[in-house]
Amino acid sequence: MNRKKNKFEKKEFTDSVFALLEVKEIENSIIDATNLASLVNQDHDYTKELSSPYYTDGVTWAGADTVVATKNSPSLKDWLRRNQSHNAVITKFGYELGWLIFKLKRIYSKKIDFVTKYFFYADLIDSAKKYEKLNKVDPNPKGLLLHVLMESKKYL
């Protein structure tokens, strides 16, 4: 039993280390980018994802009862009213934030499960909302993405 537990703990540790390295790589990409929209445009997986009919009315990411959007459309307002667990952030940096969460979904796939995903994405959305609220005078996409990225690290 002890051997089995030790093997599981090693796998958990290894998954966390690999996830941390990938998070650090994204962090460096964000810091070094002169144009975040250009960085996002280079991610063909994300741009392909956005072309699906699921992403309409300014929605740039959706999953686990959470949404990232660039505008507060009537359909989004209706969706938010339907269930109090629904959570959304509307930001002019929705394209960049949607991309980041899209990337984090893959990175954290071994760290979150069918239950914890609701907490994970809600925490990311709430973190983005908090950043937006605290930076109304001089909002900045790099600051937003780095703030949300930092929040994700508590799941490592």
Protein backbone atom coordinates (compact mmCIF):
# COMPACT_ATOMS: atom_id res chain seq x y z
CA MET A 1 0.00 0.00 0.00
CA ASN A 2 2.76 2.43 0.92
CA ARG A 3 4.52 1.77 -2.38
CA LYS A 4 1.32 2.46 -4.32
CA LYS A 5 0.73 5.71 -2.43
CA ASN A 6 4.34 6.80 -3.03
CA LYS A 7 3.97 6.14 -6.78
CA PHE A 8 0.78 8.25 -6.84
CA GLU A 9 2.49 11.10 -4.96
CA LYS A 10 5.41 11.06 -7.40
CA LYS A 11 3.01 11.28 -10.35
CA GLU A 12 1.15 14.19 -8.70
CA PHE A 13 4.45 15.97 -8.09
CA THR A 14 5.63 15.35 -11.65
CA ASP A 15 2.33 16.64 -13.09
CA SER A 16 2.65 19.77 -10.94
CA VAL A 17 6.22 20.42 -12.06
CA PHE A 18 5.35 20.06 -15.74
CA ALA A 19 2.30 22.30 -15.30
CA LEU A 20 4.41 24.92 -13.51
CA LEU A 21 6.96 24.91 -16.32
CA GLU A 22 4.22 25.44 -18.90
CA VAL A 23 2.64 28.22 -16.83
CA LYS A 24 6.03 29.90 -16.56
CA GLU A 25 6.45 29.64 -20.34
CA ILE A 26 3.10 31.37 -20.90
CA GLU A 27 3.99 33.98 -18.28
CA ASN A 28 7.23 34.78 -20.11
CA SER A 29 5.38 34.95 -23.45
CA ILE A 30 2.93 37.45 -21.99
CA ILE A 31 5.67 39.57 -20.43
CA ASP A 32 7.79 39.56 -23.60
CA ALA A 33 4.91 40.20 -26.04
CA THR A 34 4.83 43.63 -27.64
CA ASN A 35 1.32 42.93 -28.93
CA LEU A 36 -0.80 40.38 -27.07
CA ALA A 37 -3.45 40.20 -29.80
CA SER A 38 -0.73 39.18 -32.24
CA LEU A 39 0.47 36.49 -29.81
CA VAL A 40 -3.08 35.15 -29.54
CA ASN A 41 -3.57 35.25 -33.33
CA GLN A 42 -0.58 32.93 -33.71
CA ASP A 43 -2.36 30.22 -31.70
CA HIS A 44 -4.17 28.36 -34.46
CA ASP A 45 -5.84 25.95 -32.01
CA TYR A 46 -7.49 28.86 -30.21
CA THR A 47 -8.52 30.70 -33.37
CA LYS A 48 -10.00 27.44 -34.68
CA GLU A 49 -11.89 26.99 -31.40
CA LEU A 50 -13.33 30.50 -31.72
CA SER A 51 -14.69 29.71 -35.17
CA SER A 52 -17.14 27.18 -33.70
CA PRO A 53 -20.78 28.32 -33.57
CA TYR A 54 -20.64 28.03 -29.77
CA TYR A 55 -18.69 31.28 -29.58
CA THR A 56 -21.08 34.04 -30.64
CA ASP A 57 -22.08 37.47 -29.31
CA GLY A 58 -18.56 38.34 -28.14
CA VAL A 59 -17.96 35.12 -26.18
CA THR A 60 -14.28 34.16 -26.32
CA TRP A 61 -14.27 31.26 -23.86
CA ALA A 62 -16.93 29.19 -22.12
CA GLY A 63 -16.93 26.16 -19.88
CA ALA A 64 -17.89 24.86 -16.42
CA ASP A 65 -20.63 27.49 -15.97
CA THR A 66 -18.23 30.34 -16.78
CA VAL A 67 -17.91 32.70 -19.74
CA VAL A 68 -15.40 35.26 -20.96
CA ALA A 69 -16.88 37.85 -23.31
CA THR A 70 -16.11 41.17 -24.93
CA LYS A 71 -19.67 42.45 -24.66
CA ASN A 72 -22.71 41.99 -22.45
CA SER A 73 -25.13 40.64 -25.05
CA PRO A 74 -28.80 39.86 -24.43
CA SER A 75 -28.07 36.12 -24.75
CA LEU A 76 -25.32 36.38 -22.12
CA LYS A 77 -27.61 38.32 -19.77
CA ASP A 78 -30.27 35.63 -20.24
CA TRP A 79 -27.73 32.85 -19.58
CA LEU A 80 -26.56 34.58 -16.38
CA ARG A 81 -30.16 34.94 -15.15
CA ARG A 82 -30.97 31.25 -15.68
CA ASN A 83 -28.71 29.94 -12.92
CA GLN A 84 -27.02 31.71 -10.03
CA SER A 85 -23.92 29.52 -10.41
CA HIS A 86 -23.30 30.98 -13.89
CA ASN A 87 -20.38 33.41 -13.83
CA ALA A 88 -19.02 35.72 -16.53
CA VAL A 89 -16.47 38.45 -17.00
CA ILE A 90 -17.05 41.05 -19.69
CA THR A 91 -13.85 42.82 -20.66
CA LYS A 92 -12.42 44.63 -23.63
CA PHE A 93 -9.52 42.18 -23.27
CA GLY A 94 -11.84 39.19 -23.66
CA TYR A 95 -9.98 37.86 -26.68
CA GLU A 96 -6.69 37.71 -24.78
CA LEU A 97 -8.30 36.40 -21.58
CA GLY A 98 -10.23 33.72 -23.49
CA TRP A 99 -6.95 32.58 -25.03
CA LEU A 100 -5.24 32.38 -21.64
CA ILE A 101 -8.02 30.28 -20.13
CA PHE A 102 -8.01 28.09 -23.24
CA LYS A 103 -4.27 27.47 -22.66
CA LEU A 104 -4.73 26.88 -18.92
CA LYS A 105 -7.44 24.29 -19.59
CA ARG A 106 -4.89 22.05 -21.31
CA ILE A 107 -2.11 22.72 -18.81
CA TYR A 108 -4.27 21.93 -15.79
CA SER A 109 -6.08 18.95 -17.35
CA LYS A 110 -4.27 16.53 -15.01
CA LYS A 111 -4.79 18.76 -11.98
CA ILE A 112 -8.52 19.44 -12.16
CA ASP A 113 -11.37 16.96 -12.52
CA PHE A 114 -15.09 17.02 -13.28
CA VAL A 115 -15.82 18.60 -9.88
CA THR A 116 -12.86 20.90 -9.28
CA LYS A 117 -13.16 22.44 -12.75
CA TYR A 118 -16.14 24.48 -11.51
CA PHE A 119 -13.99 25.98 -8.74
CA PHE A 120 -10.96 26.43 -10.98
CA TYR A 121 -12.72 28.39 -13.73
CA ALA A 122 -14.86 30.36 -11.26
CA ASP A 123 -11.67 31.41 -9.46
CA LEU A 124 -10.09 32.52 -12.74
CA ILE A 125 -13.20 34.52 -13.72
CA ASP A 126 -13.44 36.09 -10.26
CA SER A 127 -9.75 36.97 -10.41
CA ALA A 128 -10.28 38.72 -13.76
CA LYS A 129 -13.27 40.62 -12.36
CA LYS A 130 -11.24 41.71 -9.35
CA TYR A 131 -8.42 42.95 -11.57
CA GLU A 132 -10.87 44.86 -13.78
CA LYS A 133 -12.49 46.46 -10.74
CA LEU A 134 -9.16 47.54 -9.24
CA ASN A 135 -7.76 48.87 -12.54
CA LYS A 136 -10.60 50.92 -14.03
CA VAL A 137 -8.40 53.97 -14.61
CA ASP A 138 -5.59 52.26 -16.49
CA PRO A 139 -6.61 48.72 -17.50
CA ASN A 140 -3.94 46.73 -19.25
CA PRO A 141 -4.18 43.30 -20.89
CA LYS A 142 -0.79 42.11 -19.64
CA GLY A 143 -1.69 42.95 -16.06
CA LEU A 144 -5.03 41.15 -16.40
CA LEU A 145 -3.49 37.99 -17.86
CA LEU A 146 -0.66 37.89 -15.32
CA HIS A 147 -3.14 38.39 -12.47
CA VAL A 148 -5.30 35.49 -13.69
CA LEU A 149 -2.23 33.33 -14.33
CA MET A 150 -1.08 33.92 -10.76
CA GLU A 151 -4.50 32.85 -9.48
CA SER A 152 -4.24 29.59 -11.42
CA LYS A 153 -1.04 28.62 -9.60
CA LYS A 154 -2.89 27.73 -6.43
CA TYR A 155 -4.12 24.63 -8.27
CA LEU A 156 -0.60 23.26 -8.83
